[in-house]
Amino acid sequence: MVAKASLVKLRDELLKKAKRRKVVTYQWISDELPSGVSVSGEELDDL
């Protein structure tokens, strides 16, 4: 199992990629993240 800290880091990297692409969708983020990791709507709103 991957440590939670590395999952958060992975999520942050994905958010940065999404920000560059300007195509942030809940589905895209969900597809990229391993199961059990979620991104809140508030975090996406910040992009």
PDB file of N, CA and C in Angstrom:
ATOM      1  N   MET A   1       0.839  -1.201   0.000  1.00  0.00           N
ATOM      2  CA  MET A   1       0.000   0.000   0.000  1.00  0.00           C
ATOM      3  C   MET A   1       0.878   1.257   0.000  1.00  0.00           C
ATOM      4  N   VAL A   2       0.445   2.227  -0.736  1.00  0.00           N
ATOM      5  CA  VAL A   2       1.192   3.477  -0.837  1.00  0.00           C
ATOM      6  C   VAL A   2       0.863   4.359   0.367  1.00  0.00           C
ATOM      7  N   ALA A   3       1.874   5.006   0.892  1.00  0.00           N
ATOM      8  CA  ALA A   3       1.665   5.887   2.048  1.00  0.00           C
ATOM      9  C   ALA A   3       0.776   7.060   1.670  1.00  0.00           C
ATOM     10  N   LYS A   4      -0.019   7.502   2.633  1.00  0.00           N
ATOM     11  CA  LYS A   4      -0.953   8.603   2.377  1.00  0.00           C
ATOM     12  C   LYS A   4      -0.225   9.866   1.906  1.00  0.00           C
ATOM     13  N   ALA A   5       0.936  10.143   2.462  1.00  0.00           N
ATOM     14  CA  ALA A   5       1.689  11.348   2.083  1.00  0.00           C
ATOM     15  C   ALA A   5       2.017  11.336   0.594  1.00  0.00           C
ATOM     16  N   SER A   6       2.402  10.182   0.070  1.00  0.00           N
ATOM     17  CA  SER A   6       2.739  10.123  -1.349  1.00  0.00           C
ATOM     18  C   SER A   6       1.488  10.239  -2.213  1.00  0.00           C
ATOM     19  N   LEU A   7       0.352   9.793  -1.697  1.00  0.00           N
ATOM     20  CA  LEU A   7      -0.900   9.954  -2.443  1.00  0.00           C
ATOM     21  C   LEU A   7      -1.287  11.424  -2.525  1.00  0.00           C
ATOM     22  N   VAL A   8      -1.058  12.140  -1.447  1.00  0.00           N
ATOM     23  CA  VAL A   8      -1.345  13.577  -1.444  1.00  0.00           C
ATOM     24  C   VAL A   8      -0.421  14.278  -2.432  1.00  0.00           C
ATOM     25  N   LYS A   9       0.839  13.858  -2.452  1.00  0.00           N
ATOM     26  CA  LYS A   9       1.802  14.442  -3.394  1.00  0.00           C
ATOM     27  C   LYS A   9       1.364  14.155  -4.826  1.00  0.00           C
ATOM     28  N   LEU A  10       0.943  12.928  -5.080  1.00  0.00           N
ATOM     29  CA  LEU A  10       0.461  12.557  -6.403  1.00  0.00           C
ATOM     30  C   LEU A  10      -0.738  13.411  -6.796  1.00  0.00           C
ATOM     31  N   ARG A  11      -1.649  13.582  -5.870  1.00  0.00           N
ATOM     32  CA  ARG A  11      -2.840  14.394  -6.141  1.00  0.00           C
ATOM     33  C   ARG A  11      -2.447  15.833  -6.482  1.00  0.00           C
ATOM     34  N   ASP A  12      -1.514  16.376  -5.725  1.00  0.00           N
ATOM     35  CA  ASP A  12      -1.065  17.748  -5.975  1.00  0.00           C
ATOM     36  C   ASP A  12      -0.432  17.881  -7.356  1.00  0.00           C
ATOM     37  N   GLU A  13       0.358  16.881  -7.757  1.00  0.00           N
ATOM     38  CA  GLU A  13       0.976  16.906  -9.080  1.00  0.00           C
ATOM     39  C   GLU A  13      -0.090  16.849 -10.167  1.00  0.00           C
ATOM     40  N   LEU A  14      -1.102  16.030  -9.955  1.00  0.00           N
ATOM     41  CA  LEU A  14      -2.189  15.923 -10.932  1.00  0.00           C
ATOM     42  C   LEU A  14      -2.960  17.228 -11.029  1.00  0.00           C
ATOM     43  N   LEU A  15      -3.148  17.888  -9.905  1.00  0.00           N
ATOM     44  CA  LEU A  15      -3.843  19.176  -9.924  1.00  0.00           C
ATOM     45  C   LEU A  15      -3.037  20.210 -10.701  1.00  0.00           C
ATOM     46  N   LYS A  16      -1.716  20.164 -10.555  1.00  0.00           N
ATOM     47  CA  LYS A  16      -0.863  21.092 -11.309  1.00  0.00           C
ATOM     48  C   LYS A  16      -0.979  20.821 -12.804  1.00  0.00           C
ATOM     49  N   LYS A  17      -0.947  19.530 -13.179  1.00  0.00           N
ATOM     50  CA  LYS A  17      -1.098  19.167 -14.592  1.00  0.00           C
ATOM     51  C   LYS A  17      -2.440  19.647 -15.121  1.00  0.00           C
ATOM     52  N   ALA A  18      -3.463  19.417 -14.341  1.00  0.00           N
ATOM     53  CA  ALA A  18      -4.812  19.805 -14.754  1.00  0.00           C
ATOM     54  C   ALA A  18      -4.902  21.315 -14.930  1.00  0.00           C
ATOM     55  N   LYS A  19      -4.244  22.038 -14.058  1.00  0.00           N
ATOM     56  CA  LYS A  19      -4.263  23.493 -14.132  1.00  0.00           C
ATOM     57  C   LYS A  19      -3.608  23.958 -15.433  1.00  0.00           C
ATOM     58  N   ARG A  20      -2.495  23.334 -15.795  1.00  0.00           N
ATOM     59  CA  ARG A  20      -1.814  23.688 -17.044  1.00  0.00           C
ATOM     60  C   ARG A  20      -2.688  23.382 -18.251  1.00  0.00           C
ATOM     61  N   ARG A  21      -3.364  22.250 -18.195  1.00  0.00           N
ATOM     62  CA  ARG A  21      -4.198  21.830 -19.322  1.00  0.00           C
ATOM     63  C   ARG A  21      -5.485  22.631 -19.428  1.00  0.00           C
ATOM     64  N   LYS A  22      -5.905  23.227 -18.333  1.00  0.00           N
ATOM     65  CA  LYS A  22      -7.171  23.968 -18.287  1.00  0.00           C
ATOM     66  C   LYS A  22      -8.367  23.059 -18.583  1.00  0.00           C
ATOM     67  N   VAL A  23      -8.215  21.801 -18.299  1.00  0.00           N
ATOM     68  CA  VAL A  23      -9.337  20.878 -18.501  1.00  0.00           C
ATOM     69  C   VAL A  23      -9.558  20.089 -17.219  1.00  0.00           C
ATOM     70  N   VAL A  24      -9.909  20.801 -16.190  1.00  0.00           N
ATOM     71  CA  VAL A  24     -10.134  20.142 -14.915  1.00  0.00           C
ATOM     72  C   VAL A  24     -11.561  19.624 -14.850  1.00  0.00           C
ATOM     73  N   THR A  25     -11.683  18.331 -14.742  1.00  0.00           N
ATOM     74  CA  THR A  25     -13.002  17.743 -14.541  1.00  0.00           C
ATOM     75  C   THR A  25     -12.893  16.751 -13.387  1.00  0.00           C
ATOM     76  N   TYR A  26     -13.968  16.592 -12.679  1.00  0.00           N
ATOM     77  CA  TYR A  26     -13.957  15.633 -11.576  1.00  0.00           C
ATOM     78  C   TYR A  26     -13.625  14.244 -12.101  1.00  0.00           C
ATOM     79  N   GLN A  27     -14.176  13.891 -13.257  1.00  0.00           N
ATOM     80  CA  GLN A  27     -13.951  12.566 -13.810  1.00  0.00           C
ATOM     81  C   GLN A  27     -12.480  12.359 -14.155  1.00  0.00           C
ATOM     82  N   TRP A  28     -11.855  13.367 -14.770  1.00  0.00           N
ATOM     83  CA  TRP A  28     -10.446  13.242 -15.144  1.00  0.00           C
ATOM     84  C   TRP A  28      -9.585  13.039 -13.910  1.00  0.00           C
ATOM     85  N   ILE A  29      -9.817  13.860 -12.890  1.00  0.00           N
ATOM     86  CA  ILE A  29      -9.056  13.725 -11.648  1.00  0.00           C
ATOM     87  C   ILE A  29      -9.298  12.347 -11.032  1.00  0.00           C
ATOM     88  N   SER A  30     -10.539  11.918 -11.004  1.00  0.00           N
ATOM     89  CA  SER A  30     -10.882  10.623 -10.416  1.00  0.00           C
ATOM     90  C   SER A  30     -10.210   9.479 -11.160  1.00  0.00           C
ATOM     91  N   ASP A  31     -10.173   9.579 -12.489  1.00  0.00           N
ATOM     92  CA  ASP A  31      -9.553   8.526 -13.295  1.00  0.00           C
ATOM     93  C   ASP A  31      -8.051   8.447 -13.050  1.00  0.00           C
ATOM     94  N   GLU A  32      -7.421   9.579 -12.805  1.00  0.00           N
ATOM     95  CA  GLU A  32      -5.974   9.622 -12.615  1.00  0.00           C
ATOM     96  C   GLU A  32      -5.546   9.182 -11.221  1.00  0.00           C
ATOM     97  N   LEU A  33      -6.401   9.402 -10.242  1.00  0.00           N
ATOM     98  CA  LEU A  33      -6.040   9.069  -8.867  1.00  0.00           C
ATOM     99  C   LEU A  33      -6.308   7.609  -8.553  1.00  0.00           C
ATOM    100  N   PRO A  34      -5.455   7.023  -7.713  1.00  0.00           N
ATOM    101  CA  PRO A  34      -5.728   5.655  -7.272  1.00  0.00           C
ATOM    102  C   PRO A  34      -6.999   5.629  -6.428  1.00  0.00           C
ATOM    103  N   SER A  35      -7.624   4.482  -6.337  1.00  0.00           N
ATOM    104  CA  SER A  35      -8.858   4.388  -5.562  1.00  0.00           C
ATOM    105  C   SER A  35      -8.592   4.746  -4.106  1.00  0.00           C
ATOM    106  N   GLY A  36      -9.574   5.366  -3.490  1.00  0.00           N
ATOM    107  CA  GLY A  36      -9.431   5.741  -2.093  1.00  0.00           C
ATOM    108  C   GLY A  36      -8.901   7.149  -1.894  1.00  0.00           C
ATOM    109  N   VAL A  37      -8.534   7.819  -3.001  1.00  0.00           N
ATOM    110  CA  VAL A  37      -8.050   9.195  -2.892  1.00  0.00           C
ATOM    111  C   VAL A  37      -9.058  10.086  -3.583  1.00  0.00           C
ATOM    112  N   SER A  38      -9.445  11.143  -2.914  1.00  0.00           N
ATOM    113  CA  SER A  38     -10.440  12.022  -3.513  1.00  0.00           C
ATOM    114  C   SER A  38      -9.963  13.466  -3.514  1.00  0.00           C
ATOM    115  N   VAL A  39     -10.568  14.239  -4.379  1.00  0.00           N
ATOM    116  CA  VAL A  39     -10.271  15.661  -4.461  1.00  0.00           C
ATOM    117  C   VAL A  39     -11.578  16.390  -4.213  1.00  0.00           C
ATOM    118  N   SER A  40     -11.546  17.331  -3.304  1.00  0.00           N
ATOM    119  CA  SER A  40     -12.776  18.059  -2.998  1.00  0.00           C
ATOM    120  C   SER A  40     -13.074  19.100  -4.057  1.00  0.00           C
ATOM    121  N   GLY A  41     -14.318  19.469  -4.173  1.00  0.00           N
ATOM    122  CA  GLY A  41     -14.720  20.495  -5.119  1.00  0.00           C
ATOM    123  C   GLY A  41     -14.034  21.815  -4.836  1.00  0.00           C
ATOM    124  N   GLU A  42     -13.797  22.093  -3.571  1.00  0.00           N
ATOM    125  CA  GLU A  42     -13.137  23.346  -3.195  1.00  0.00           C
ATOM    126  C   GLU A  42     -11.728  23.413  -3.756  1.00  0.00           C
ATOM    127  N   GLU A  43     -11.027  22.292  -3.746  1.00  0.00           N
ATOM    128  CA  GLU A  43      -9.671  22.267  -4.291  1.00  0.00           C
ATOM    129  C   GLU A  43      -9.696  22.532  -5.790  1.00  0.00           C
ATOM    130  N   LEU A  44     -10.668  21.965  -6.473  1.00  0.00           N
ATOM    131  CA  LEU A  44     -10.774  22.182  -7.915  1.00  0.00           C
ATOM    132  C   LEU A  44     -11.171  23.616  -8.221  1.00  0.00           C
ATOM    133  N   ASP A  45     -11.995  24.197  -7.379  1.00  0.00           N
ATOM    134  CA  ASP A  45     -12.421  25.585  -7.586  1.00  0.00           C
ATOM    135  C   ASP A  45     -11.241  26.547  -7.519  1.00  0.00           C
ATOM    136  N   ASP A  46     -10.199  26.161  -6.797  1.00  0.00           N
ATOM    137  CA  ASP A  46      -9.020  27.021  -6.659  1.00  0.00           C
ATOM    138  C   ASP A  46      -8.179  27.076  -7.930  1.00  0.00           C
ATOM    139  N   LEU A  47      -8.395  26.167  -8.832  1.00  0.00           N
ATOM    140  CA  LEU A  47      -7.554  26.106 -10.035  1.00  0.00           C
ATOM    141  C   LEU A  47      -7.847  27.220 -11.002  1.00  0.00           C
TER     142      LEU A  47
END
